[in-house]
Amino acid sequence: MPRKKIDELLQERHDRRTPLQRLLNRATDQAAWTAELRAVLPENLRHACQVRSFRGTVLIVVCLDSATATRLRLLGPELTERLRALPHFSQIEGIRAKVSPY
């Protein structure tokens, strides 16, 4: 398989996006979603939660530890309502918390 520089991969023009472009777009989306989530979280949870993805209408959030995941689950209905006011989360119906150090 021929090797290409990252700049070349990013510059490629196809009808479809390259795998690297998809990965970079996903990382950008996750960072934006995480920033919006953290804006509505209580101060003590902000830096312990990160958005992993959406599955349908459920937001998947990873937490640093089980205590944070439990607090997030308890706040779930309230957070869901607050997040629905934001454009990226207008269709959200629930939050699923997972424990995983990032």
N, C-alpha and C. Protein backbone atom coordinates (compact mmCIF):
# COMPACT_ATOMS: atom_id res chain seq x y z
N MET A 1 0.84 -1.17 0.00
CA MET A 1 0.00 0.00 0.00
C MET A 1 0.89 1.24 0.00
N PRO A 2 0.66 2.17 -0.92
CA PRO A 2 1.49 3.38 -0.97
C PRO A 2 1.22 4.26 0.25
N ARG A 3 2.27 4.91 0.70
CA ARG A 3 2.15 5.82 1.84
C ARG A 3 1.87 7.22 1.34
N LYS A 4 1.03 7.92 2.09
CA LYS A 4 0.72 9.30 1.74
C LYS A 4 0.91 10.16 2.99
N LYS A 5 1.26 11.39 2.77
CA LYS A 5 1.37 12.32 3.87
C LYS A 5 -0.03 12.76 4.28
N ILE A 6 -0.16 13.16 5.54
CA ILE A 6 -1.46 13.61 6.05
C ILE A 6 -2.01 14.75 5.21
N ASP A 7 -1.15 15.70 4.84
CA ASP A 7 -1.61 16.82 4.02
C ASP A 7 -2.23 16.33 2.71
N GLU A 8 -1.65 15.29 2.12
CA GLU A 8 -2.19 14.75 0.87
C GLU A 8 -3.55 14.11 1.10
N LEU A 9 -3.69 13.40 2.22
CA LEU A 9 -4.97 12.77 2.54
C LEU A 9 -6.06 13.81 2.74
N LEU A 10 -5.71 14.90 3.40
CA LEU A 10 -6.69 15.95 3.65
C LEU A 10 -7.06 16.71 2.38
N GLN A 11 -6.15 16.77 1.43
CA GLN A 11 -6.36 17.52 0.21
C GLN A 11 -7.15 16.73 -0.85
N GLU A 12 -7.24 15.42 -0.69
CA GLU A 12 -7.90 14.60 -1.70
C GLU A 12 -9.34 15.03 -1.90
N ARG A 13 -9.74 15.06 -3.14
CA ARG A 13 -11.12 15.42 -3.47
C ARG A 13 -11.80 14.20 -4.10
N HIS A 14 -12.81 13.74 -3.43
CA HIS A 14 -13.60 12.61 -3.91
C HIS A 14 -15.07 12.94 -3.74
N ASP A 15 -15.90 12.13 -4.33
CA ASP A 15 -17.33 12.28 -4.08
C ASP A 15 -17.64 11.99 -2.62
N ARG A 16 -16.87 11.08 -2.06
CA ARG A 16 -17.03 10.73 -0.65
C ARG A 16 -15.84 11.28 0.11
N ARG A 17 -16.05 11.48 1.41
CA ARG A 17 -14.95 11.94 2.25
C ARG A 17 -14.01 10.78 2.54
N THR A 18 -12.75 11.09 2.73
CA THR A 18 -11.77 10.06 3.06
C THR A 18 -11.99 9.62 4.50
N PRO A 19 -11.48 8.45 4.87
CA PRO A 19 -11.59 8.01 6.26
C PRO A 19 -11.00 9.02 7.24
N LEU A 20 -9.90 9.63 6.87
CA LEU A 20 -9.29 10.62 7.75
C LEU A 20 -10.19 11.84 7.92
N GLN A 21 -10.81 12.29 6.86
CA GLN A 21 -11.72 13.43 6.95
C GLN A 21 -12.92 13.10 7.83
N ARG A 22 -13.46 11.89 7.70
CA ARG A 22 -14.58 11.47 8.55
C ARG A 22 -14.17 11.45 10.01
N LEU A 23 -12.99 10.93 10.28
CA LEU A 23 -12.48 10.86 11.65
C LEU A 23 -12.29 12.26 12.24
N LEU A 24 -11.72 13.16 11.46
CA LEU A 24 -11.52 14.53 11.92
C LEU A 24 -12.85 15.24 12.15
N ASN A 25 -13.81 15.01 11.28
CA ASN A 25 -15.14 15.62 11.46
C ASN A 25 -15.81 15.10 12.71
N ARG A 26 -15.67 13.81 12.95
CA ARG A 26 -16.28 13.22 14.16
C ARG A 26 -15.64 13.79 15.42
N ALA A 27 -14.32 13.92 15.42
CA ALA A 27 -13.62 14.50 16.57
C ALA A 27 -14.06 15.94 16.82
N THR A 28 -14.24 16.69 15.75
CA THR A 28 -14.71 18.07 15.87
C THR A 28 -16.12 18.11 16.44
N ASP A 29 -16.99 17.23 15.94
CA ASP A 29 -18.36 17.16 16.47
C ASP A 29 -18.37 16.80 17.95
N GLN A 30 -17.58 15.80 18.33
CA GLN A 30 -17.53 15.38 19.73
C GLN A 30 -17.05 16.51 20.63
N ALA A 31 -16.07 17.26 20.19
CA ALA A 31 -15.57 18.39 20.99
C ALA A 31 -16.65 19.45 21.15
N ALA A 32 -17.39 19.74 20.09
CA ALA A 32 -18.47 20.74 20.16
C ALA A 32 -19.60 20.26 21.07
N TRP A 33 -19.99 18.98 20.92
CA TRP A 33 -21.05 18.43 21.76
C TRP A 33 -20.64 18.43 23.23
N THR A 34 -19.38 18.08 23.50
CA THR A 34 -18.89 18.05 24.87
C THR A 34 -18.91 19.46 25.48
N ALA A 35 -18.51 20.45 24.72
CA ALA A 35 -18.52 21.83 25.21
C ALA A 35 -19.94 22.27 25.56
N GLU A 36 -20.91 21.91 24.72
CA GLU A 36 -22.30 22.28 24.99
C GLU A 36 -22.84 21.53 26.20
N LEU A 37 -22.51 20.25 26.32
CA LEU A 37 -22.94 19.49 27.49
C LEU A 37 -22.36 20.10 28.76
N ARG A 38 -21.08 20.39 28.75
CA ARG A 38 -20.43 20.95 29.94
C ARG A 38 -21.00 22.30 30.35
N ALA A 39 -21.54 23.03 29.40
CA ALA A 39 -22.13 24.34 29.70
C ALA A 39 -23.38 24.21 30.56
N VAL A 40 -24.07 23.07 30.48
CA VAL A 40 -25.30 22.90 31.28
C VAL A 40 -25.09 21.99 32.49
N LEU A 41 -23.93 21.38 32.62
CA LEU A 41 -23.65 20.50 33.76
C LEU A 41 -23.29 21.31 35.00
N PRO A 42 -23.57 20.77 36.19
CA PRO A 42 -23.09 21.41 37.41
C PRO A 42 -21.56 21.44 37.42
N GLU A 43 -21.00 22.42 38.07
CA GLU A 43 -19.54 22.63 38.10
C GLU A 43 -18.77 21.36 38.47
N ASN A 44 -19.26 20.61 39.45
CA ASN A 44 -18.51 19.43 39.91
C ASN A 44 -18.51 18.26 38.92
N LEU A 45 -19.31 18.33 37.86
CA LEU A 45 -19.35 17.25 36.86
C LEU A 45 -18.72 17.64 35.53
N ARG A 46 -18.48 18.91 35.33
CA ARG A 46 -18.07 19.42 34.01
C ARG A 46 -16.85 18.73 33.42
N HIS A 47 -15.82 18.55 34.20
CA HIS A 47 -14.58 18.02 33.63
C HIS A 47 -14.48 16.51 33.76
N ALA A 48 -15.53 15.88 34.24
CA ALA A 48 -15.52 14.43 34.38
C ALA A 48 -16.44 13.75 33.37
N CYS A 49 -17.01 14.52 32.45
CA CYS A 49 -17.93 13.96 31.45
C CYS A 49 -17.53 14.41 30.05
N GLN A 50 -17.70 13.50 29.10
CA GLN A 50 -17.36 13.79 27.71
C GLN A 50 -18.35 13.05 26.81
N VAL A 51 -18.83 13.72 25.77
CA VAL A 51 -19.76 13.08 24.84
C VAL A 51 -19.00 12.11 23.95
N ARG A 52 -19.52 10.90 23.85
CA ARG A 52 -18.93 9.91 22.95
C ARG A 52 -19.66 9.90 21.61
N SER A 53 -21.00 9.86 21.65
CA SER A 53 -21.75 9.79 20.39
C SER A 53 -23.24 9.97 20.64
N PHE A 54 -23.98 9.92 19.55
CA PHE A 54 -25.44 9.83 19.58
C PHE A 54 -25.80 8.45 19.06
N ARG A 55 -26.78 7.84 19.66
CA ARG A 55 -27.38 6.61 19.13
C ARG A 55 -28.86 6.89 19.01
N GLY A 56 -29.27 7.20 17.80
CA GLY A 56 -30.66 7.60 17.60
C GLY A 56 -30.90 8.93 18.29
N THR A 57 -31.73 8.90 19.32
CA THR A 57 -32.03 10.13 20.07
C THR A 57 -31.43 10.09 21.47
N VAL A 58 -30.51 9.16 21.70
CA VAL A 58 -29.87 9.03 23.01
C VAL A 58 -28.43 9.52 22.93
N LEU A 59 -28.08 10.39 23.85
CA LEU A 59 -26.72 10.92 23.94
C LEU A 59 -25.89 9.98 24.80
N ILE A 60 -24.77 9.50 24.29
CA ILE A 60 -23.88 8.62 25.04
C ILE A 60 -22.77 9.48 25.62
N VAL A 61 -22.66 9.46 26.96
CA VAL A 61 -21.67 10.27 27.67
C VAL A 61 -20.77 9.34 28.47
N VAL A 62 -19.46 9.53 28.37
CA VAL A 62 -18.53 8.76 29.19
C VAL A 62 -18.11 9.62 30.37
N CYS A 63 -18.02 8.96 31.52
CA CYS A 63 -17.66 9.62 32.77
C CYS A 63 -16.38 8.98 33.31
N LEU A 64 -15.63 9.76 34.06
CA LEU A 64 -14.36 9.27 34.59
C LEU A 64 -14.52 8.18 35.64
N ASP A 65 -15.62 8.21 36.38
CA ASP A 65 -15.81 7.21 37.44
C ASP A 65 -17.29 6.92 37.64
N SER A 66 -17.57 5.88 38.40
CA SER A 66 -18.96 5.46 38.59
C SER A 66 -19.77 6.47 39.40
N ALA A 67 -19.14 7.19 40.31
CA ALA A 67 -19.87 8.20 41.09
C ALA A 67 -20.38 9.31 40.17
N THR A 68 -19.55 9.74 39.25
CA THR A 68 -19.97 10.77 38.29
C THR A 68 -21.07 10.25 37.39
N ALA A 69 -20.94 9.02 36.93
CA ALA A 69 -21.97 8.42 36.06
C ALA A 69 -23.30 8.34 36.80
N THR A 70 -23.28 7.99 38.08
CA THR A 70 -24.50 7.91 38.87
C THR A 70 -25.14 9.29 39.01
N ARG A 71 -24.34 10.30 39.30
CA ARG A 71 -24.89 11.66 39.41
C ARG A 71 -25.48 12.12 38.07
N LEU A 72 -24.81 11.78 36.98
CA LEU A 72 -25.32 12.15 35.67
C LEU A 72 -26.65 11.45 35.39
N ARG A 73 -26.76 10.18 35.76
CA ARG A 73 -28.01 9.45 35.56
C ARG A 73 -29.15 10.08 36.36
N LEU A 74 -28.85 10.51 37.58
CA LEU A 74 -29.88 11.15 38.41
C LEU A 74 -30.33 12.48 37.83
N LEU A 75 -29.42 13.19 37.19
CA LEU A 75 -29.75 14.47 36.57
C LEU A 75 -30.31 14.32 35.16
N GLY A 76 -30.35 13.10 34.65
CA GLY A 76 -30.71 12.84 33.26
C GLY A 76 -31.94 13.56 32.75
N PRO A 77 -33.11 13.42 33.40
CA PRO A 77 -34.31 14.09 32.87
C PRO A 77 -34.17 15.62 32.84
N GLU A 78 -33.60 16.19 33.88
CA GLU A 78 -33.40 17.65 33.92
C GLU A 78 -32.42 18.10 32.83
N LEU A 79 -31.31 17.37 32.68
CA LEU A 79 -30.32 17.71 31.66
C LEU A 79 -30.88 17.56 30.25
N THR A 80 -31.68 16.54 30.05
CA THR A 80 -32.29 16.32 28.74
C THR A 80 -33.11 17.54 28.34
N GLU A 81 -33.90 18.05 29.26
CA GLU A 81 -34.71 19.23 28.97
C GLU A 81 -33.85 20.44 28.67
N ARG A 82 -32.80 20.63 29.44
CA ARG A 82 -31.91 21.78 29.21
C ARG A 82 -31.17 21.67 27.89
N LEU A 83 -30.77 20.45 27.55
CA LEU A 83 -30.04 20.24 26.30
C LEU A 83 -30.93 20.43 25.07
N ARG A 84 -32.20 20.10 25.19
CA ARG A 84 -33.11 20.24 24.04
C ARG A 84 -33.20 21.69 23.55
N ALA A 85 -32.88 22.63 24.40
CA ALA A 85 -32.91 24.04 24.00
C ALA A 85 -31.74 24.39 23.08
N LEU A 86 -30.74 23.53 23.02
CA LEU A 86 -29.56 23.77 22.19
C LEU A 86 -29.74 23.12 20.81
N PRO A 87 -29.27 23.78 19.76
CA PRO A 87 -29.49 23.27 18.39
C PRO A 87 -29.01 21.84 18.14
N HIS A 88 -27.83 21.47 18.62
CA HIS A 88 -27.31 20.13 18.38
C HIS A 88 -28.12 19.04 19.07
N PHE A 89 -28.83 19.40 20.12
CA PHE A 89 -29.51 18.41 20.94
C PHE A 89 -31.03 18.51 20.88
N SER A 90 -31.57 19.17 19.88
CA SER A 90 -33.02 19.40 19.83
C SER A 90 -33.84 18.11 19.79
N GLN A 91 -33.27 17.03 19.28
CA GLN A 91 -34.00 15.76 19.15
C GLN A 91 -33.71 14.76 20.27
N ILE A 92 -32.91 15.17 21.25
CA ILE A 92 -32.49 14.25 22.31
C ILE A 92 -33.68 13.81 23.16
N GLU A 93 -33.72 12.53 23.49
CA GLU A 93 -34.77 11.99 24.35
C GLU A 93 -34.21 11.40 25.63
N GLY A 94 -32.90 11.20 25.70
CA GLY A 94 -32.32 10.63 26.89
C GLY A 94 -30.80 10.68 26.87
N ILE A 95 -30.23 10.41 28.03
CA ILE A 95 -28.78 10.40 28.19
C ILE A 95 -28.39 9.05 28.78
N ARG A 96 -27.38 8.45 28.21
CA ARG A 96 -26.85 7.18 28.74
C ARG A 96 -25.42 7.44 29.21
N ALA A 97 -25.17 7.17 30.48
CA ALA A 97 -23.84 7.39 31.06
C ALA A 97 -23.07 6.08 31.12
N LYS A 98 -21.82 6.13 30.68
CA LYS A 98 -20.92 4.98 30.74
C LYS A 98 -19.66 5.40 31.49
N VAL A 99 -19.03 4.46 32.15
CA VAL A 99 -17.80 4.73 32.86
C VAL A 99 -16.63 4.29 31.99
N SER A 100 -15.73 5.23 31.72
CA SER A 100 -14.56 4.94 30.92
C SER A 100 -13.60 6.11 31.03
N PRO A 101 -12.42 5.88 31.56
CA PRO A 101 -11.47 7.00 31.60
C PRO A 101 -11.07 7.37 30.18
N TYR A 102 -11.07 8.65 29.89
CA TYR A 102 -10.71 9.08 28.54
C TYR A 102 -9.30 9.44 28.47
